[in-house]
N, C-alpha and C. Protein backbone atom coordinates (compact mmCIF):
# COMPACT_ATOMS: atom_id res chain seq x y z
N UNK A 1 283.91 84.00 19.27
CA UNK A 1 283.47 85.32 19.63
C UNK A 1 281.95 85.38 19.47
N UNK A 2 281.28 85.91 20.44
CA UNK A 2 279.83 86.04 20.41
C UNK A 2 279.47 87.48 20.04
N UNK A 3 278.64 87.61 19.05
CA UNK A 3 278.19 88.93 18.65
C UNK A 3 276.95 89.27 19.45
N UNK A 4 276.94 90.44 20.03
CA UNK A 4 275.81 90.86 20.86
C UNK A 4 275.16 92.07 20.22
N UNK A 5 273.86 92.02 20.12
CA UNK A 5 273.10 93.14 19.56
C UNK A 5 272.32 93.78 20.69
N UNK A 6 272.46 95.07 20.84
CA UNK A 6 271.80 95.78 21.94
C UNK A 6 270.43 96.23 21.51
N UNK A 7 269.45 96.01 22.36
CA UNK A 7 268.10 96.50 22.12
C UNK A 7 268.04 98.01 22.34
N UNK A 8 267.12 98.66 21.67
CA UNK A 8 266.92 100.09 21.88
C UNK A 8 266.20 100.36 23.20
N UNK A 9 265.49 99.36 23.68
CA UNK A 9 264.77 99.55 24.95
C UNK A 9 265.66 99.11 26.09
N UNK A 10 265.87 99.99 27.01
CA UNK A 10 266.63 99.63 28.20
C UNK A 10 265.83 100.04 29.43
N UNK A 11 266.23 99.52 30.54
CA UNK A 11 265.53 99.81 31.78
C UNK A 11 266.07 101.13 32.31
N UNK A 12 265.29 102.19 32.19
CA UNK A 12 265.73 103.53 32.59
C UNK A 12 265.89 103.67 34.09
N UNK A 13 265.22 102.84 34.85
CA UNK A 13 265.30 102.98 36.31
C UNK A 13 266.62 102.47 36.85
N UNK A 14 267.12 101.36 36.30
CA UNK A 14 268.38 100.81 36.81
C UNK A 14 269.56 101.14 35.90
N UNK A 15 269.28 101.55 34.68
CA UNK A 15 270.35 101.87 33.74
C UNK A 15 270.93 100.65 33.06
N UNK A 16 270.34 99.49 33.30
CA UNK A 16 270.85 98.25 32.69
C UNK A 16 270.19 98.05 31.34
N UNK A 17 270.98 97.86 30.34
CA UNK A 17 270.46 97.63 29.00
C UNK A 17 270.27 96.13 28.79
N UNK A 18 269.20 95.78 28.13
CA UNK A 18 268.97 94.38 27.79
C UNK A 18 269.67 94.08 26.48
N UNK A 19 270.18 92.89 26.35
CA UNK A 19 270.82 92.49 25.10
C UNK A 19 270.42 91.06 24.77
N UNK A 20 270.64 90.73 23.53
CA UNK A 20 270.36 89.37 23.08
C UNK A 20 271.44 88.98 22.08
N UNK A 21 271.64 87.69 21.93
CA UNK A 21 272.64 87.20 20.99
C UNK A 21 272.13 87.38 19.58
N UNK A 22 272.99 87.81 18.68
CA UNK A 22 272.60 88.03 17.29
C UNK A 22 272.12 86.71 16.69
N UNK A 23 271.04 86.76 15.97
CA UNK A 23 270.49 85.56 15.34
C UNK A 23 269.44 84.88 16.19
N UNK A 24 269.30 85.29 17.45
CA UNK A 24 268.28 84.70 18.30
C UNK A 24 266.91 85.22 17.88
N UNK A 25 265.94 84.37 17.93
CA UNK A 25 264.59 84.75 17.52
C UNK A 25 263.84 85.24 18.75
N UNK A 26 263.21 86.37 18.61
CA UNK A 26 262.41 86.91 19.70
C UNK A 26 261.16 86.05 19.88
N UNK A 27 260.65 85.96 21.11
CA UNK A 27 259.44 85.16 21.33
C UNK A 27 258.27 85.71 20.50
N UNK A 28 257.55 84.80 19.88
CA UNK A 28 256.40 85.19 19.08
C UNK A 28 256.72 85.40 17.62
N UNK A 29 257.98 85.47 17.26
CA UNK A 29 258.33 85.70 15.85
C UNK A 29 258.64 84.41 15.11
N UNK A 30 258.89 83.33 15.82
CA UNK A 30 259.30 82.08 15.19
C UNK A 30 258.28 81.53 14.22
N UNK A 31 257.01 81.64 14.54
CA UNK A 31 256.00 81.08 13.66
C UNK A 31 255.82 81.90 12.39
N UNK A 32 256.22 83.17 12.42
CA UNK A 32 256.10 84.01 11.23
C UNK A 32 257.31 83.87 10.31
N UNK A 33 258.40 83.32 10.83
CA UNK A 33 259.60 83.20 10.02
C UNK A 33 259.60 81.96 9.14
N UNK A 34 258.73 81.00 9.44
CA UNK A 34 258.65 79.81 8.59
C UNK A 34 258.01 80.18 7.26
N UNK A 35 258.57 79.66 6.20
CA UNK A 35 258.06 79.98 4.87
C UNK A 35 257.46 78.73 4.26
N UNK A 36 256.22 78.85 3.82
CA UNK A 36 255.57 77.72 3.18
C UNK A 36 256.05 77.65 1.73
N UNK A 37 256.50 76.51 1.33
CA UNK A 37 256.99 76.33 -0.04
C UNK A 37 255.83 75.85 -0.91
N UNK A 38 255.61 76.54 -1.99
CA UNK A 38 254.45 76.30 -2.83
C UNK A 38 254.54 75.03 -3.65
N UNK A 39 253.37 74.45 -3.95
CA UNK A 39 253.35 73.22 -4.73
C UNK A 39 253.77 73.43 -6.18
N UNK A 40 253.50 74.60 -6.74
CA UNK A 40 253.89 74.84 -8.14
C UNK A 40 255.41 74.87 -8.28
N UNK A 41 256.08 75.48 -7.34
CA UNK A 41 257.55 75.53 -7.39
C UNK A 41 258.15 74.14 -7.24
N UNK A 42 257.60 73.35 -6.32
CA UNK A 42 258.12 71.99 -6.12
C UNK A 42 257.90 71.13 -7.36
N UNK A 43 256.73 71.25 -7.98
CA UNK A 43 256.46 70.46 -9.19
C UNK A 43 257.34 70.91 -10.35
N UNK A 44 257.55 72.21 -10.49
CA UNK A 44 258.40 72.72 -11.57
C UNK A 44 259.85 72.26 -11.40
N UNK A 45 260.33 72.27 -10.17
CA UNK A 45 261.69 71.79 -9.93
C UNK A 45 261.81 70.30 -10.20
N UNK A 46 260.76 69.55 -9.92
CA UNK A 46 260.80 68.11 -10.19
C UNK A 46 260.74 67.81 -11.68
N UNK A 47 260.11 68.69 -12.45
CA UNK A 47 260.11 68.50 -13.90
C UNK A 47 261.50 68.78 -14.46
N UNK A 48 262.17 69.80 -13.93
CA UNK A 48 263.52 70.12 -14.39
C UNK A 48 264.51 69.01 -14.03
N UNK A 49 264.40 68.50 -12.80
CA UNK A 49 265.30 67.45 -12.34
C UNK A 49 264.53 66.61 -11.34
N UNK A 50 264.17 65.38 -11.68
CA UNK A 50 263.39 64.55 -10.76
C UNK A 50 264.08 64.40 -9.41
N UNK A 51 263.36 64.74 -8.36
CA UNK A 51 263.90 64.68 -7.01
C UNK A 51 264.26 66.05 -6.45
N UNK A 52 264.43 67.04 -7.32
CA UNK A 52 264.81 68.37 -6.86
C UNK A 52 263.66 69.06 -6.11
N UNK A 53 262.44 68.81 -6.51
CA UNK A 53 261.29 69.38 -5.81
C UNK A 53 261.16 68.84 -4.40
N UNK A 54 261.42 67.56 -4.23
CA UNK A 54 261.38 66.96 -2.90
C UNK A 54 262.52 67.50 -2.03
N UNK A 55 263.69 67.69 -2.63
CA UNK A 55 264.80 68.26 -1.88
C UNK A 55 264.49 69.70 -1.48
N UNK A 56 263.80 70.43 -2.34
CA UNK A 56 263.38 71.80 -2.04
C UNK A 56 262.43 71.83 -0.85
N UNK A 57 261.61 70.82 -0.71
CA UNK A 57 260.67 70.73 0.41
C UNK A 57 261.32 70.19 1.67
N UNK A 58 262.53 69.67 1.57
CA UNK A 58 263.21 69.12 2.73
C UNK A 58 262.93 67.65 2.97
N UNK A 59 262.37 66.98 1.99
CA UNK A 59 262.08 65.54 2.11
C UNK A 59 263.19 64.78 1.38
N UNK A 60 264.19 64.39 2.13
CA UNK A 60 265.39 63.83 1.52
C UNK A 60 265.25 62.38 1.07
N UNK A 61 264.45 61.59 1.76
CA UNK A 61 264.30 60.18 1.38
C UNK A 61 263.66 60.02 0.00
N UNK A 62 262.51 60.69 -0.29
CA UNK A 62 261.97 60.56 -1.65
C UNK A 62 262.89 61.18 -2.70
N UNK A 63 263.59 62.26 -2.33
CA UNK A 63 264.51 62.88 -3.28
C UNK A 63 265.64 61.93 -3.64
N UNK A 64 266.18 61.25 -2.64
CA UNK A 64 267.26 60.29 -2.91
C UNK A 64 266.78 59.11 -3.76
N UNK A 65 265.56 58.65 -3.51
CA UNK A 65 265.01 57.55 -4.32
C UNK A 65 264.80 57.94 -5.77
N UNK A 66 264.29 59.14 -6.00
CA UNK A 66 264.08 59.59 -7.37
C UNK A 66 265.41 59.83 -8.09
N UNK A 67 266.38 60.34 -7.38
CA UNK A 67 267.69 60.55 -8.00
C UNK A 67 268.36 59.21 -8.30
N UNK A 68 268.18 58.22 -7.43
CA UNK A 68 268.74 56.89 -7.69
C UNK A 68 268.09 56.27 -8.93
N UNK A 69 266.78 56.45 -9.08
CA UNK A 69 266.08 55.93 -10.27
C UNK A 69 266.59 56.64 -11.53
N UNK A 70 266.88 57.91 -11.39
CA UNK A 70 267.39 58.67 -12.53
C UNK A 70 268.78 58.17 -12.93
N UNK A 71 269.63 57.91 -11.97
CA UNK A 71 270.98 57.39 -12.26
C UNK A 71 270.88 56.01 -12.92
N UNK A 72 269.97 55.18 -12.45
CA UNK A 72 269.76 53.87 -13.06
C UNK A 72 269.32 54.00 -14.51
N UNK A 73 268.42 54.93 -14.79
CA UNK A 73 267.99 55.13 -16.18
C UNK A 73 269.12 55.64 -17.06
N UNK A 74 269.96 56.48 -16.53
CA UNK A 74 271.11 56.97 -17.31
C UNK A 74 272.05 55.81 -17.64
N UNK A 75 272.27 54.93 -16.66
CA UNK A 75 273.15 53.78 -16.91
C UNK A 75 272.54 52.80 -17.91
N UNK A 76 271.22 52.63 -17.88
CA UNK A 76 270.57 51.72 -18.82
C UNK A 76 270.48 52.30 -20.23
N UNK A 77 270.54 53.61 -20.36
CA UNK A 77 270.39 54.26 -21.66
C UNK A 77 271.55 53.94 -22.60
N UNK A 78 272.72 53.63 -22.08
CA UNK A 78 273.87 53.37 -22.95
C UNK A 78 273.81 52.01 -23.64
N UNK A 79 272.93 51.13 -23.19
CA UNK A 79 272.80 49.82 -23.84
C UNK A 79 272.14 49.99 -25.21
N UNK A 80 272.58 49.21 -26.20
CA UNK A 80 271.99 49.34 -27.53
C UNK A 80 270.52 48.92 -27.54
N UNK A 81 269.69 49.75 -28.11
CA UNK A 81 268.27 49.46 -28.22
C UNK A 81 267.48 49.71 -26.94
N UNK A 82 268.13 50.24 -25.93
CA UNK A 82 267.46 50.45 -24.64
C UNK A 82 266.51 51.63 -24.67
N UNK A 83 266.62 52.47 -25.68
CA UNK A 83 265.75 53.64 -25.76
C UNK A 83 264.28 53.25 -25.84
N UNK A 84 264.01 52.02 -26.29
CA UNK A 84 262.61 51.58 -26.43
C UNK A 84 261.88 51.55 -25.10
N UNK A 85 262.59 51.23 -24.03
CA UNK A 85 261.92 51.23 -22.73
C UNK A 85 262.40 52.35 -21.81
N UNK A 86 263.56 52.97 -22.10
CA UNK A 86 264.00 54.06 -21.22
C UNK A 86 263.28 55.37 -21.50
N UNK A 87 262.87 55.60 -22.75
CA UNK A 87 262.13 56.85 -23.05
C UNK A 87 260.80 56.89 -22.31
N UNK A 88 259.97 55.84 -22.36
CA UNK A 88 258.74 55.88 -21.56
C UNK A 88 259.03 55.91 -20.05
N UNK A 89 260.12 55.26 -19.63
CA UNK A 89 260.45 55.28 -18.21
C UNK A 89 260.83 56.68 -17.74
N UNK A 90 261.52 57.45 -18.59
CA UNK A 90 261.82 58.85 -18.25
C UNK A 90 260.54 59.65 -18.08
N UNK A 91 259.59 59.45 -18.99
CA UNK A 91 258.31 60.17 -18.88
C UNK A 91 257.57 59.82 -17.60
N UNK A 92 257.56 58.54 -17.25
CA UNK A 92 256.90 58.12 -16.01
C UNK A 92 257.62 58.69 -14.80
N UNK A 93 258.94 58.69 -14.83
CA UNK A 93 259.71 59.21 -13.70
C UNK A 93 259.46 60.71 -13.49
N UNK A 94 259.46 61.48 -14.56
CA UNK A 94 259.23 62.93 -14.44
C UNK A 94 257.81 63.20 -13.97
N UNK A 95 256.83 62.48 -14.53
CA UNK A 95 255.44 62.68 -14.09
C UNK A 95 255.25 62.28 -12.63
N UNK A 96 255.83 61.16 -12.23
CA UNK A 96 255.74 60.72 -10.85
C UNK A 96 256.39 61.72 -9.89
N UNK A 97 257.55 62.23 -10.27
CA UNK A 97 258.24 63.19 -9.41
C UNK A 97 257.45 64.48 -9.28
N UNK A 98 256.87 64.97 -10.37
CA UNK A 98 256.11 66.22 -10.32
C UNK A 98 254.83 66.06 -9.50
N UNK A 99 254.11 64.98 -9.70
CA UNK A 99 252.85 64.78 -8.98
C UNK A 99 253.09 64.58 -7.49
N UNK A 100 254.08 63.77 -7.14
CA UNK A 100 254.33 63.54 -5.71
C UNK A 100 254.88 64.78 -5.03
N UNK A 101 255.67 65.58 -5.74
CA UNK A 101 256.16 66.85 -5.15
C UNK A 101 255.00 67.81 -4.95
N UNK A 102 254.08 67.88 -5.90
CA UNK A 102 252.90 68.74 -5.77
C UNK A 102 252.07 68.33 -4.55
N UNK A 103 251.82 67.02 -4.42
CA UNK A 103 251.00 66.53 -3.30
C UNK A 103 251.72 66.72 -1.96
N UNK A 104 253.03 66.54 -1.94
CA UNK A 104 253.78 66.72 -0.70
C UNK A 104 253.81 68.18 -0.26
N UNK A 105 253.87 69.10 -1.22
CA UNK A 105 253.90 70.53 -0.88
C UNK A 105 252.53 71.03 -0.44
N UNK A 106 251.47 70.39 -0.91
CA UNK A 106 250.13 70.81 -0.50
C UNK A 106 249.82 70.48 0.94
N UNK A 107 250.44 69.44 1.48
CA UNK A 107 250.19 69.06 2.86
C UNK A 107 250.84 70.08 3.79
N UNK A 108 250.14 70.45 4.82
CA UNK A 108 250.69 71.34 5.83
C UNK A 108 251.59 70.51 6.76
N UNK A 109 252.59 71.10 7.39
CA UNK A 109 253.52 70.32 8.22
C UNK A 109 252.86 69.53 9.34
N UNK A 110 251.85 70.07 9.99
CA UNK A 110 251.23 69.36 11.10
C UNK A 110 250.00 68.60 10.73
N UNK A 111 249.71 68.49 9.46
CA UNK A 111 248.45 67.89 9.01
C UNK A 111 248.71 66.48 8.49
N UNK A 112 247.86 65.56 8.87
CA UNK A 112 247.95 64.19 8.39
C UNK A 112 246.86 63.94 7.35
N UNK A 113 247.18 63.08 6.41
CA UNK A 113 246.17 62.70 5.42
C UNK A 113 245.17 61.75 6.04
N UNK A 114 243.94 61.91 5.65
CA UNK A 114 242.89 60.98 6.10
C UNK A 114 242.90 59.74 5.24
N UNK A 115 242.84 58.60 5.89
CA UNK A 115 242.84 57.36 5.11
C UNK A 115 241.54 56.63 5.27
């Protein structure tokens, strides 16, 4: 079933009302509906859960890599004496996730980094 929303403006001369499908974006409004996701939110989410900030930005490949690294660290943590190298690795992982999420959110969608 298609839901139809009737416009308030109709053609008074012919009596034909214009309609559009519900959820359709009117011309000129699409660019205003995009929401820029802030770097502070992405970094904060990455501190809470490494990879979550990247997922919030829609970058699934880095998010999946950070989550895989996190799962690997959880599996290594159960080994006896592994805390000696897993604790610093957790710190590096959280810092890396927060910094890369911050930098990824600062870039505009159509902007390339200069190399």
